[in-house]
Amino acid sequence: MPLPEFRLPDLGEGVTEGEVVEWRVHPGDRVERDQILCVVATDKATVELPSPFSGVVGEVLVPEGRVLRVGDPLLRLAGSAGPATATESWAQAGPSATPTPQLEFRLPDLGEGVTEGEVVEWRVHPGDRVERDQILCVVATDKATVELPSPFSGVVGEIRAQEGRKVTVGEALVSIEASGGGLPAPAAARPERAARATGGAVPEATVRRVLALPAVRRAARERGVGLDQVVGSGPGGRVRMADLATSGRRERLRGTRRVMAERMADAHRHVPQVTVALDCDMAAVERVAADAGAEGPTPLGLVCLAARAELERLPIFNSSFDEVALELVYHPDLHLGIAVQTEDGLKVATAHAAGRLTPAELQAEIQRLVAGARAGTLSPAELSGATFTISSGGRLGGLLATPLVNWPNVATLGIHEIQDRPVVRQGQVVAGRCAVLTLSFDHRVIDGMTASSFLYGVVARLSDPKGLLDGGEER
């Protein structure tokens, strides 16, 4: 009787071939059921192939670095596969030979009209044991970044969507072997599992996602180059040694940074933008903020109050443009967006129904939103729905910039760095505290005169910021 062979199984996702990255066993080794035999890299992911039976390794048929197709032999067994499996052939077995119930976890409906998301980070790996409500992965949508918990307990099977991939609601993310059916391998057979559980380093072979020979992988490690940052010129995108020599550093945009890039591109495509700018004496604003102390209004809060007053005078700035119907849609409430620079990129935190808040309430809400955006604790609702946006660069705002209109808004107010500059007061040139204010607007629906009127109004109101506080408390 011919000795049984273990062949490259069907790995799903349309995969037809893979590269043997690493052998975990050698001829003469005794292997147990579910022990990892080797690591194979495909154009989709890197997977560990477990043994479906027990026995002794006879011959390793392919070396590390060899690319083979589904069904090609990998390994030949030396002796009996054991009494429970003597009549079975390894050629028919694969990683999922154990008859355990497979459950699929799919991207759930995240609300807020979200239809897709990008897998930013996996918190589990194939073979890991997971419990109900344990975080499986982190997904970024155009609203926020969310952690997705497991709805059931079991053993992680196949990760269907790798990091960086976009998935739609209802699309499979990962398969899980239900509790009672999944049989995780002994700890001795999977030392990398213990490292994951204790926070130790994960062996590199378990996280590679690109095709490359072991020598190339070793050279990439020595040079500190991530293989996912290199464009491979070999067959199937395989990275060659020459690719390492010529590659520059590449970084994939993910999560909030990817969403920001897409939104900026959308804004540029949709809006024929024009920007007007005015110098604004901010001395009175800083004086009122300093006199009020930590609990009082900030310069940003006072600018928000001035903008809110002008939005009431000129409601066209609190509208959206329906490009299909060629209609302006006036919003019944002001939802004031504050563009906040964070470590994850630019986020627009939204003070909903800002027109109904007292000056003190609006100030407190702005401070809460800015802090929450930087800490990453805001909900998707708090990061969406703005009808007018204010962008403040603070001390790093520069002298002048032209913020993009936060489409589908029709305008964005920009606040730039407050600097010492000469100003004329009562015919005398004195040192002043000035900042350039800009108004970027959609020129399809707003003309330059209307935009200038709005901006001059904001500057005039900031010359008497106490009036903003006194006039709004009766809201």
Protein backbone atom coordinates (compact mmCIF):
# COMPACT_ATOMS: atom_id res chain seq x y z
CA MET A 1 0.00 0.00 0.00
CA PRO A 2 1.48 3.39 -0.94
CA LEU A 3 2.40 5.64 1.93
CA PRO A 4 -0.18 8.40 2.55
CA GLU A 5 0.63 11.91 1.36
CA PHE A 6 -0.42 15.30 2.66
CA ARG A 7 -1.24 17.62 -0.22
CA LEU A 8 -1.84 21.35 -0.38
CA PRO A 9 -5.56 21.66 0.43
CA ASP A 10 -8.11 24.03 -1.05
CA LEU A 11 -7.66 27.20 1.03
CA GLY A 12 -10.78 28.93 -0.32
CA GLU A 13 -11.09 32.55 -1.53
CA GLY A 14 -10.17 31.40 -5.06
CA VAL A 15 -6.59 30.57 -3.99
CA THR A 16 -4.91 28.18 -6.48
CA GLU A 17 -1.28 28.16 -5.27
CA GLY A 18 0.93 28.95 -2.32
CA GLU A 19 4.56 29.23 -1.26
CA VAL A 20 5.99 27.03 1.49
CA VAL A 21 7.40 29.60 3.88
CA GLU A 22 8.46 27.41 6.78
CA TRP A 23 8.48 23.75 7.79
CA ARG A 24 7.67 23.05 11.43
CA VAL A 25 8.48 19.30 11.22
CA HIS A 26 11.31 17.17 9.80
CA PRO A 27 11.70 13.59 8.58
CA GLY A 28 11.52 11.19 11.52
CA ASP A 29 9.44 13.52 13.71
CA ARG A 30 6.39 12.11 15.41
CA VAL A 31 3.37 14.35 14.74
CA GLU A 32 0.02 14.42 16.46
CA ARG A 33 -3.40 15.32 15.13
CA ASP A 34 -3.79 19.11 14.67
CA GLN A 35 -0.05 19.77 15.10
CA ILE A 36 1.19 22.44 12.68
CA LEU A 37 3.16 20.95 9.80
CA CYS A 38 4.13 24.01 7.80
CA VAL A 39 3.34 27.64 6.99
CA VAL A 40 2.13 28.50 3.49
CA ALA A 41 1.82 32.02 2.03
CA THR A 42 -0.79 32.75 -0.65
CA ASP A 43 -1.72 35.97 -2.39
CA LYS A 44 -4.50 36.36 0.20
CA ALA A 45 -2.88 35.50 3.52
CA THR A 46 -0.38 33.34 5.38
CA VAL A 47 -1.85 30.15 6.87
CA GLU A 48 -0.65 27.37 9.13
CA LEU A 49 -1.48 23.87 7.93
CA PRO A 50 -2.27 21.38 10.72
CA SER A 51 -1.90 17.61 10.49
CA PRO A 52 -5.23 15.80 10.12
CA PHE A 53 -3.78 12.57 11.58
CA SER A 54 -1.06 11.22 13.84
CA GLY A 55 2.05 9.46 12.53
CA VAL A 56 5.76 9.73 11.70
CA VAL A 57 7.08 12.09 9.03
CA GLY A 58 8.76 10.17 6.26
CA GLU A 59 9.78 12.63 3.54
CA VAL A 60 9.34 16.36 3.09
CA LEU A 61 8.60 16.60 -0.63
CA VAL A 62 9.09 20.34 -1.23
CA PRO A 63 11.69 22.75 0.20
CA GLU A 64 10.95 26.11 1.77
CA GLY A 65 10.45 28.74 -0.90
CA ARG A 66 8.82 26.38 -3.40
CA VAL A 67 5.53 27.52 -4.97
CA LEU A 68 3.01 24.75 -5.59
CA ARG A 69 -0.60 24.41 -6.65
CA VAL A 70 -3.60 23.09 -4.75
CA GLY A 71 -3.40 19.29 -4.72
CA ASP A 72 0.39 19.07 -5.06
CA PRO A 73 2.03 16.78 -2.44
CA LEU A 74 3.82 18.43 0.47
CA LEU A 75 4.80 15.59 2.76
CA ARG A 76 4.79 11.78 2.86
CA LEU A 77 4.11 9.79 6.00
CA ALA A 78 6.65 7.11 6.99
CA GLY A 79 4.41 4.67 8.85
CA SER A 80 0.88 3.95 9.93
CA ALA A 81 -1.35 6.91 10.42
CA GLY A 82 -2.86 5.22 13.46
CA PRO A 83 -5.72 2.77 13.95
CA ALA A 84 -8.42 5.40 13.77
CA THR A 85 -7.27 6.59 10.37
CA ALA A 86 -5.61 3.60 8.72
CA THR A 87 -8.11 3.53 5.88
CA GLU A 88 -8.03 7.28 5.20
CA SER A 89 -5.73 9.12 2.82
CA TRP A 90 -3.91 12.34 3.64
CA ALA A 91 -4.48 13.39 0.08
CA GLN A 92 -8.14 13.87 0.95
CA ALA A 93 -7.55 15.71 4.20
CA GLY A 94 -7.18 19.42 4.81
CA PRO A 95 -7.02 21.92 7.63
CA SER A 96 -10.72 21.59 8.30
CA ALA A 97 -10.89 17.78 8.31
CA THR A 98 -12.23 17.70 11.86
CA PRO A 99 -16.03 17.69 11.64
CA THR A 100 -16.68 20.73 13.79
CA PRO A 101 -19.53 23.22 13.27
CA GLN A 102 -18.21 26.28 11.45
CA LEU A 103 -19.85 29.62 12.25
CA GLU A 104 -19.20 32.76 10.23
CA PHE A 105 -18.90 36.20 11.75
CA ARG A 106 -19.93 38.84 9.23
CA LEU A 107 -19.61 42.61 9.26
CA PRO A 108 -22.69 43.73 11.20
CA ASP A 109 -24.89 46.74 10.53
CA LEU A 110 -23.07 49.54 12.33
CA GLY A 111 -25.90 52.04 11.93
CA GLU A 112 -25.61 55.69 10.83
CA GLY A 113 -26.02 54.58 7.20
CA VAL A 114 -22.65 52.81 7.20
CA THR A 115 -22.42 50.28 4.35
CA GLU A 116 -18.73 49.33 4.43
CA GLY A 117 -15.61 49.44 6.54
CA GLU A 118 -11.90 48.72 6.42
CA VAL A 119 -10.34 46.03 8.61
CA VAL A 120 -7.66 47.97 10.48
CA GLU A 121 -6.42 45.38 12.97
CA TRP A 122 -7.05 41.76 13.92
CA ARG A 123 -6.89 40.99 17.64
CA VAL A 124 -7.07 37.21 17.11
CA HIS A 125 -5.34 34.67 14.88
CA PRO A 126 -6.27 31.29 13.41
CA GLY A 127 -6.26 28.67 16.15
CA ASP A 128 -6.87 31.13 18.98
CA ARG A 129 -9.58 30.35 21.51
CA VAL A 130 -12.11 33.19 21.78
CA GLU A 131 -14.91 33.79 24.24
CA ARG A 132 -18.24 35.50 23.70
CA ASP A 133 -17.87 39.31 23.59
CA GLN A 134 -14.08 39.12 23.15
CA ILE A 135 -12.85 41.72 20.64
CA LEU A 136 -12.08 40.08 17.30
CA CYS A 137 -11.00 43.01 15.17
CA VAL A 138 -11.03 46.77 14.67
CA VAL A 139 -12.92 48.22 11.70
CA ALA A 140 -12.78 51.81 10.45
CA THR A 141 -15.79 53.31 8.70
CA ASP A 142 -16.31 56.80 7.30
CA LYS A 143 -17.89 57.68 10.65
CA ALA A 144 -15.62 56.18 13.29
CA THR A 145 -13.31 53.32 14.25
CA VAL A 146 -15.08 50.52 16.14
CA GLU A 147 -14.10 47.28 17.91
CA LEU A 148 -16.17 44.25 16.92
CA PRO A 149 -16.84 41.62 19.63
CA SER A 150 -17.41 37.92 18.98
CA PRO A 151 -21.08 36.86 19.27
CA PHE A 152 -20.08 33.32 20.26
CA SER A 153 -17.30 31.25 21.81
CA GLY A 154 -15.04 28.88 19.93
CA VAL A 155 -11.76 28.51 18.06
CA VAL A 156 -10.78 30.93 15.28
CA GLY A 157 -10.69 29.15 11.94
CA GLU A 158 -10.02 31.20 8.83
CA ILE A 159 -9.66 34.98 8.71
CA ARG A 160 -11.54 35.91 5.53
CA ALA A 161 -10.69 39.62 5.37
CA GLN A 162 -7.08 40.62 5.97
CA GLU A 163 -5.98 43.94 7.47
CA GLY A 164 -6.35 46.80 5.01
CA ARG A 165 -9.22 45.22 3.09
CA LYS A 166 -12.57 46.92 2.64
CA VAL A 167 -15.65 44.83 3.43
CA THR A 168 -19.34 45.54 3.03
CA VAL A 169 -22.05 44.93 5.63
CA GLY A 170 -22.90 41.22 5.63
CA GLU A 171 -19.55 40.11 4.21
CA ALA A 172 -17.75 37.31 6.07
CA LEU A 173 -14.84 38.40 8.29
CA VAL A 174 -13.82 35.18 10.05
CA SER A 175 -14.96 31.60 10.59
CA ILE A 176 -15.12 30.19 14.11
CA GLU A 177 -15.39 26.55 15.19
CA ALA A 178 -18.20 26.48 17.74
CA SER A 179 -17.48 25.48 21.33
CA GLY A 180 -17.50 21.74 21.80
CA GLY A 181 -16.50 21.07 18.20
CA GLY A 182 -13.21 22.90 17.83
CA LEU A 183 -10.17 21.06 19.18
CA PRO A 184 -7.24 23.45 19.64
CA ALA A 185 -3.79 21.93 19.45
CA PRO A 186 -1.77 21.24 22.60
CA ALA A 187 0.34 24.14 23.83
CA ALA A 188 3.57 22.28 23.06
CA ALA A 189 2.56 21.97 19.41
CA ARG A 190 1.79 25.69 19.08
CA PRO A 191 4.31 27.73 21.03
CA GLU A 192 3.29 30.91 19.24
CA ARG A 193 -0.16 30.72 20.85
CA ALA A 194 1.37 31.11 24.29
CA ALA A 195 3.31 34.13 23.09
CA ARG A 196 0.10 35.77 21.89
CA ALA A 197 -1.71 35.04 25.15
CA THR A 198 1.06 36.57 27.25
CA GLY A 199 1.71 39.54 25.00
CA GLY A 200 5.03 38.16 23.75
CA ALA A 201 6.39 38.50 20.26
CA VAL A 202 4.49 36.66 17.55
CA PRO A 203 6.75 34.59 15.26
CA GLU A 204 7.12 36.44 11.99
CA ALA A 205 6.00 33.45 9.91
CA THR A 206 2.48 33.79 11.27
CA VAL A 207 1.94 37.37 10.09
CA ARG A 208 3.47 37.50 6.62
CA ARG A 209 1.02 38.38 3.90
CA VAL A 210 3.20 38.61 0.81
CA LEU A 211 5.05 36.09 -1.34
CA ALA A 212 8.84 36.02 -0.92
CA LEU A 213 11.61 33.46 -0.56
CA PRO A 214 13.08 32.89 2.92
CA ALA A 215 16.34 34.58 1.92
CA VAL A 216 14.41 37.67 0.84
CA ARG A 217 12.44 37.69 4.08
CA ARG A 218 15.66 37.42 6.07
CA ALA A 219 17.23 40.30 4.13
CA ALA A 220 14.10 42.41 4.68
CA ARG A 221 14.29 41.80 8.43
CA GLU A 222 17.97 42.74 8.51
CA ARG A 223 17.25 45.98 6.63
CA GLY A 224 14.19 46.84 8.70
CA VAL A 225 11.95 46.80 5.63
CA GLY A 226 8.37 45.54 5.92
CA LEU A 227 7.57 43.26 2.98
CA ASP A 228 4.08 44.75 2.80
CA GLN A 229 5.80 48.05 1.92
CA VAL A 230 7.56 46.59 -1.14
CA VAL A 231 6.07 46.16 -4.62
CA GLY A 232 7.06 42.70 -5.81
CA SER A 233 8.18 42.26 -9.42
CA GLY A 234 8.08 38.46 -9.43
CA PRO A 235 5.27 36.14 -10.53
CA GLY A 236 2.09 36.82 -8.60
CA GLY A 237 3.67 39.90 -7.02
CA ARG A 238 6.42 37.88 -5.32
CA VAL A 239 9.08 40.10 -3.73
CA ARG A 240 12.59 39.52 -5.09
CA MET A 241 15.93 40.57 -3.64
CA ALA A 242 16.22 43.29 -6.29
CA ASP A 243 12.91 44.75 -5.12
CA LEU A 244 14.38 45.33 -1.66
CA ALA A 245 17.32 47.22 -3.13
CA THR A 246 15.14 49.60 -5.12
CA SER A 247 12.18 50.01 -2.81
CA GLY A 248 11.38 53.16 -0.92
CA ARG A 249 9.38 53.18 2.27
CA ARG A 250 5.68 52.66 1.70
CA GLU A 251 2.89 53.05 4.20
CA ARG A 252 -0.68 52.01 3.50
CA LEU A 253 -3.30 54.54 4.57
CA ARG A 254 -5.66 52.84 6.97
CA GLY A 255 -8.49 53.71 9.30
CA THR A 256 -9.14 57.39 9.90
CA ARG A 257 -6.28 58.48 7.64
CA ARG A 258 -7.74 56.55 4.71
CA VAL A 259 -11.21 57.99 5.36
CA MET A 260 -9.74 61.50 5.55
CA ALA A 261 -7.92 60.99 2.25
CA GLU A 262 -11.11 59.81 0.54
CA ARG A 263 -13.16 62.70 1.94
CA MET A 264 -10.62 65.29 0.90
CA ALA A 265 -10.62 63.84 -2.62
CA ASP A 266 -14.44 63.89 -2.70
CA ALA A 267 -14.50 67.51 -1.55
CA HIS A 268 -12.01 68.52 -4.21
CA ARG A 269 -13.94 66.71 -6.95
CA HIS A 270 -17.36 68.03 -5.99
CA VAL A 271 -16.81 71.63 -4.89
CA PRO A 272 -15.56 74.51 -7.08
CA GLN A 273 -14.01 76.24 -4.10
CA VAL A 274 -13.07 79.88 -3.56
CA THR A 275 -11.51 81.27 -0.37
CA VAL A 276 -11.65 84.80 1.06
CA ALA A 277 -9.45 85.96 3.93
CA LEU A 278 -9.46 88.79 6.48
CA ASP A 279 -7.07 89.84 9.21
CA CYS A 280 -8.79 89.83 12.61
CA ASP A 281 -7.61 91.62 15.75
CA MET A 282 -7.92 88.92 18.42
CA ALA A 283 -6.71 90.99 21.39
CA ALA A 284 -10.20 91.39 22.83
CA VAL A 285 -10.93 87.70 22.31
CA GLU A 286 -7.77 86.67 24.20
CA ARG A 287 -8.49 89.18 26.95
CA VAL A 288 -12.04 87.90 27.52
CA ALA A 289 -10.81 84.29 27.50
CA ALA A 290 -8.01 85.07 29.97
CA ASP A 291 -10.32 87.01 32.32
CA ALA A 292 -12.84 84.15 32.37
CA GLY A 293 -10.29 81.57 33.45
CA ALA A 294 -10.33 77.83 32.85
CA GLU A 295 -14.12 77.57 33.05
CA GLY A 296 -14.76 80.42 30.65
CA PRO A 297 -14.89 80.61 26.86
CA THR A 298 -11.82 79.83 24.78
CA PRO A 299 -10.86 81.77 21.64
CA LEU A 300 -12.23 78.85 19.59
CA GLY A 301 -15.48 78.97 21.54
CA LEU A 302 -15.86 82.71 20.91
CA VAL A 303 -15.23 82.23 17.18
CA CYS A 304 -17.94 79.54 17.19
CA LEU A 305 -20.37 81.97 18.81
CA ALA A 306 -19.55 84.65 16.24
CA ALA A 307 -20.01 82.18 13.39
CA ARG A 308 -23.31 80.99 14.85
CA ALA A 309 -24.63 84.54 14.92
CA GLU A 310 -23.66 85.06 11.27
CA LEU A 311 -25.26 81.75 10.29
CA GLU A 312 -28.53 83.03 11.73
CA ARG A 313 -28.16 86.21 9.67
CA LEU A 314 -27.15 84.36 6.49
CA PRO A 315 -28.77 80.90 6.64
CA ILE A 316 -27.49 79.98 3.16
CA PHE A 317 -24.23 78.99 4.85
CA ASN A 318 -26.14 76.36 6.85
CA SER A 319 -27.28 74.48 3.77
CA SER A 320 -26.26 71.70 1.38
CA PHE A 321 -26.38 71.61 -2.41
CA ASP A 322 -28.33 68.82 -4.09
CA GLU A 323 -26.30 68.35 -7.27
CA VAL A 324 -28.92 66.14 -8.94
CA ALA A 325 -31.96 68.35 -8.35
CA LEU A 326 -29.88 71.56 -8.46
CA GLU A 327 -31.52 72.67 -5.22
CA LEU A 328 -30.25 74.21 -2.01
CA VAL A 329 -31.34 72.26 1.06
CA TYR A 330 -31.62 74.55 4.09
CA HIS A 331 -31.06 72.74 7.39
CA PRO A 332 -33.58 73.45 10.19
CA ASP A 333 -30.86 73.00 12.85
CA LEU A 334 -27.23 74.04 13.01
CA HIS A 335 -24.95 71.08 13.53
CA LEU A 336 -21.58 72.73 14.07
CA GLY A 337 -18.56 70.67 13.02
CA ILE A 338 -15.16 71.27 14.61
CA ALA A 339 -12.20 69.88 12.64
CA VAL A 340 -9.77 68.38 15.16
CA GLN A 341 -6.25 67.17 14.36
CA THR A 342 -5.56 63.89 16.16
CA GLU A 343 -2.87 61.22 16.09
CA ASP A 344 -5.17 59.23 13.77
CA GLY A 345 -5.68 62.12 11.37
CA LEU A 346 -8.29 64.83 10.96
CA LYS A 347 -11.70 64.24 12.57
CA VAL A 348 -14.79 66.45 12.46
CA ALA A 349 -16.52 66.39 15.85
CA THR A 350 -20.10 67.67 15.64
CA ALA A 351 -22.03 69.76 18.15
CA HIS A 352 -25.57 68.78 17.22
CA ALA A 353 -28.34 71.36 17.53
CA ALA A 354 -25.68 73.97 18.34
CA GLY A 355 -28.13 76.77 17.60
CA ARG A 356 -30.25 75.80 20.61
CA LEU A 357 -27.42 75.86 23.16
CA THR A 358 -26.56 78.77 25.43
CA PRO A 359 -23.04 80.18 25.02
CA ALA A 360 -21.93 78.31 28.15
CA GLU A 361 -23.47 75.05 26.94
CA LEU A 362 -21.91 75.41 23.50
CA GLN A 363 -18.49 76.14 25.03
CA ALA A 364 -18.73 73.04 27.25
CA GLU A 365 -19.84 70.89 24.33
CA ILE A 366 -16.96 72.07 22.14
CA GLN A 367 -14.42 71.27 24.86
CA ARG A 368 -15.95 67.82 25.36
CA LEU A 369 -15.93 67.04 21.64
CA VAL A 370 -12.36 68.20 21.07
CA ALA A 371 -11.11 66.14 24.02
CA GLY A 372 -13.13 63.11 22.91
CA ALA A 373 -11.86 63.33 19.33
CA ARG A 374 -8.25 63.38 20.48
CA ALA A 375 -8.86 60.49 22.90
CA GLY A 376 -10.73 58.47 20.27
CA THR A 377 -13.82 58.05 22.47
CA LEU A 378 -16.47 59.76 20.32
CA SER A 379 -19.32 57.75 18.81
CA PRO A 380 -20.01 57.64 15.04
CA ALA A 381 -22.94 60.05 15.57
CA GLU A 382 -20.63 62.56 17.23
CA LEU A 383 -18.30 62.42 14.23
CA SER A 384 -20.91 62.96 11.54
CA GLY A 385 -23.76 65.19 10.45
CA ALA A 386 -22.05 68.61 10.44
CA THR A 387 -23.87 71.27 8.42
CA PHE A 388 -21.17 73.94 8.84
CA THR A 389 -17.54 73.34 9.78
CA ILE A 390 -14.91 75.37 11.60
CA SER A 391 -11.25 74.40 11.20
CA SER A 392 -8.71 75.68 13.73
CA GLY A 393 -5.02 74.95 13.46
CA GLY A 394 -4.28 76.55 16.85
CA ARG A 395 -0.66 77.48 17.45
CA LEU A 396 0.36 75.43 14.41
CA GLY A 397 -2.24 76.99 12.15
CA GLY A 398 0.28 79.03 10.16
CA LEU A 399 -0.29 82.52 8.80
CA LEU A 400 -2.80 81.49 6.13
CA ALA A 401 -4.31 78.35 4.63
CA THR A 402 -7.33 77.48 2.51
CA PRO A 403 -9.28 74.69 4.28
CA LEU A 404 -11.29 72.49 1.95
CA VAL A 405 -15.05 72.73 2.18
CA ASN A 406 -16.33 69.79 4.22
CA TRP A 407 -18.63 68.56 1.45
CA PRO A 408 -21.65 68.35 1.43
CA ASN A 409 -21.38 71.58 3.50
CA VAL A 410 -21.19 74.73 1.41
CA ALA A 411 -18.57 76.53 3.50
CA THR A 412 -15.75 76.06 6.03
CA LEU A 413 -14.43 78.77 8.34
CA GLY A 414 -10.69 78.62 9.06
CA ILE A 415 -8.89 80.10 12.07
CA HIS A 416 -5.13 80.50 11.86
CA GLU A 417 -2.35 81.22 14.33
CA ILE A 418 -2.70 84.31 16.54
CA GLN A 419 0.51 86.29 16.10
CA ASP A 420 2.02 89.60 17.18
CA ARG A 421 1.66 92.05 14.29
CA PRO A 422 1.45 95.84 13.91
CA VAL A 423 -2.10 97.21 13.81
CA VAL A 424 -3.55 100.71 13.58
CA ARG A 425 -5.72 101.83 16.50
CA GLN A 426 -7.01 105.39 16.71
CA GLY A 427 -4.45 106.47 14.12
CA GLN A 428 -1.52 104.92 15.97
CA VAL A 429 0.51 101.88 14.94
CA VAL A 430 0.68 99.55 17.92
CA ALA A 431 1.47 95.90 18.58
CA GLY A 432 -1.60 93.77 18.06
CA ARG A 433 -2.62 90.13 18.42
CA CYS A 434 -3.93 89.14 15.00
CA ALA A 435 -5.06 86.03 13.19
CA VAL A 436 -6.13 85.51 9.61
CA LEU A 437 -9.66 84.12 9.25
CA THR A 438 -10.57 82.39 5.99
CA LEU A 439 -13.88 81.34 4.53
CA SER A 440 -13.78 78.63 1.86
CA PHE A 441 -17.09 78.31 0.03
CA ASP A 442 -18.86 76.50 -2.79
CA HIS A 443 -18.92 79.05 -5.60
CA ARG A 444 -21.81 77.30 -7.32
CA VAL A 445 -24.25 78.55 -4.69
CA ILE A 446 -22.43 81.37 -2.84
CA ASP A 447 -20.98 84.46 -4.49
CA GLY A 448 -17.97 86.42 -3.31
CA MET A 449 -19.98 89.35 -1.95
CA THR A 450 -22.09 87.08 0.27
CA ALA A 451 -19.00 85.24 1.49
CA SER A 452 -17.22 88.49 2.30
CA SER A 453 -20.29 89.78 4.15
CA PHE A 454 -20.27 86.65 6.32
CA LEU A 455 -16.55 86.93 7.09
CA TYR A 456 -16.66 90.67 7.82
CA GLY A 457 -19.56 89.95 10.18
CA VAL A 458 -17.55 87.34 12.09
CA VAL A 459 -14.58 89.74 12.42
CA ALA A 460 -16.83 92.56 13.63
CA ARG A 461 -18.47 90.36 16.27
CA LEU A 462 -15.06 89.22 17.55
CA SER A 463 -14.10 92.86 18.14
CA ASP A 464 -16.73 92.84 20.94
CA PRO A 465 -16.74 89.24 22.22
CA LYS A 466 -18.56 90.19 25.44
CA GLY A 467 -21.56 91.00 23.29
CA LEU A 468 -21.58 87.39 22.09
CA LEU A 469 -21.78 86.17 25.68
CA ASP A 470 -24.32 88.72 26.88
CA GLY A 471 -26.58 88.40 23.86
CA GLY A 472 -26.92 84.65 23.83
CA GLU A 473 -27.77 83.60 27.34
CA GLU A 474 -31.52 83.92 26.75
CA ARG A 475 -31.58 81.18 24.09
